[in-house]
């Protein structure tokens, strides 16, 4: 699935990347994946699935996800928002 964070230039790109993960890795039909989809209720993910997903995101996109942030990710849109935040360029703090 190798994608770099530089390739994810829009939320649509991130959504497509996320959808591809769920369809390829977890074999979830594409029709079931939309921004409002609840990872736990609609897709029946468990904590192991969530940790595997976090590990994939960390590896593929070279980002860190702490446990507290992972607990707040409930929907597909939460994943998109989190990736967008973590991969956006942040200006350097000047002194």
Protein backbone atom coordinates (compact mmCIF):
# COMPACT_ATOMS: atom_id res chain seq x y z
CA UNK A 1 0.00 0.00 0.00
CA UNK A 2 3.03 2.28 0.28
CA UNK A 3 1.95 5.94 0.25
CA UNK A 4 3.90 8.91 1.48
CA UNK A 5 2.39 11.78 3.38
CA UNK A 6 3.50 14.08 0.55
CA UNK A 7 1.10 12.23 -1.77
CA UNK A 8 -1.86 12.97 0.50
CA UNK A 9 -2.44 16.58 -0.48
CA UNK A 10 -6.17 16.79 0.18
CA UNK A 11 -8.78 15.31 2.46
CA UNK A 12 -10.14 13.45 -0.57
CA UNK A 13 -6.72 11.82 -1.10
CA UNK A 14 -6.67 10.86 2.58
CA UNK A 15 -10.19 9.43 2.37
CA UNK A 16 -9.23 7.32 -0.67
CA UNK A 17 -6.09 6.12 1.13
CA UNK A 18 -8.16 5.20 4.21
CA UNK A 19 -10.84 3.46 2.16
CA UNK A 20 -8.17 1.44 0.34
CA UNK A 21 -6.75 0.28 3.68
CA UNK A 22 -10.13 -0.99 4.89
CA UNK A 23 -11.02 -2.67 1.61
CA UNK A 24 -7.61 -4.26 1.00
CA UNK A 25 -6.45 -5.14 4.49
CA UNK A 26 -9.73 -5.82 6.29
CA UNK A 27 -11.74 -6.91 3.23
CA UNK A 28 -14.57 -4.53 4.01
CA UNK A 29 -16.79 -3.75 1.01
CA UNK A 30 -16.14 -0.26 -0.33
CA UNK A 31 -19.85 0.61 -0.13
CA UNK A 32 -19.69 0.36 3.68
CA UNK A 33 -16.99 3.01 3.98
CA UNK A 34 -18.03 6.65 4.10
CA UNK A 35 -16.99 9.55 6.32
CA UNK A 36 -19.73 8.86 8.89
CA UNK A 37 -18.93 5.16 9.21
CA UNK A 38 -18.30 4.20 12.84
CA UNK A 39 -15.26 1.96 13.08
CA UNK A 40 -16.58 -0.05 16.00
CA UNK A 41 -20.33 -0.17 15.45
CA UNK A 42 -20.55 -0.21 11.66
CA UNK A 43 -17.32 -2.04 10.77
CA UNK A 44 -17.09 -4.10 13.97
CA UNK A 45 -13.42 -3.30 14.56
CA UNK A 46 -11.93 -4.36 17.87
CA UNK A 47 -9.00 -2.89 19.78
CA UNK A 48 -6.50 -5.12 17.95
CA UNK A 49 -7.82 -3.87 14.59
CA UNK A 50 -7.47 -0.28 15.85
CA UNK A 51 -3.87 -0.84 16.96
CA UNK A 52 -3.05 -2.52 13.64
CA UNK A 53 -4.55 0.44 11.79
CA UNK A 54 -2.54 2.88 13.91
CA UNK A 55 0.63 0.89 13.25
CA UNK A 56 -0.01 0.99 9.51
CA UNK A 57 -0.58 4.75 9.59
CA UNK A 58 2.58 5.30 11.62
CA UNK A 59 4.65 3.16 9.25
CA UNK A 60 3.17 4.29 5.93
CA UNK A 61 2.95 8.00 6.74
CA UNK A 62 5.80 8.38 9.22
CA UNK A 63 3.56 9.89 11.89
CA UNK A 64 3.13 9.13 15.57
CA UNK A 65 -0.21 8.22 17.11
CA UNK A 66 -0.42 8.11 20.87
CA UNK A 67 -2.94 5.94 22.71
CA UNK A 68 -5.04 8.91 23.83
CA UNK A 69 -5.44 10.12 20.25
CA UNK A 70 -6.30 6.62 19.06
CA UNK A 71 -9.14 6.43 21.60
CA UNK A 72 -10.68 9.57 20.04
CA UNK A 73 -10.74 8.12 16.52
CA UNK A 74 -14.25 6.72 16.14
CA UNK A 75 -15.26 7.35 12.51
CA UNK A 76 -13.63 7.31 9.09
CA UNK A 77 -13.83 11.12 9.14
CA UNK A 78 -11.87 11.13 12.41
CA UNK A 79 -9.10 9.20 10.64
CA UNK A 80 -9.12 11.65 7.72
CA UNK A 81 -9.03 14.65 10.07
CA UNK A 82 -6.24 13.15 12.16
CA UNK A 83 -4.07 12.31 9.15
CA UNK A 84 -4.70 15.78 7.69
CA UNK A 85 -3.60 17.35 10.98
CA UNK A 86 -0.53 15.14 11.41
CA UNK A 87 0.67 15.52 7.80
CA UNK A 88 0.05 19.25 7.39
CA UNK A 89 3.04 21.53 7.28
CA UNK A 90 3.34 23.44 10.49
CA UNK A 91 5.28 26.69 10.42
CA UNK A 92 8.47 26.76 12.44
CA UNK A 93 8.26 28.72 15.67
CA UNK A 94 10.50 31.71 15.48
CA UNK A 95 12.06 33.27 18.55
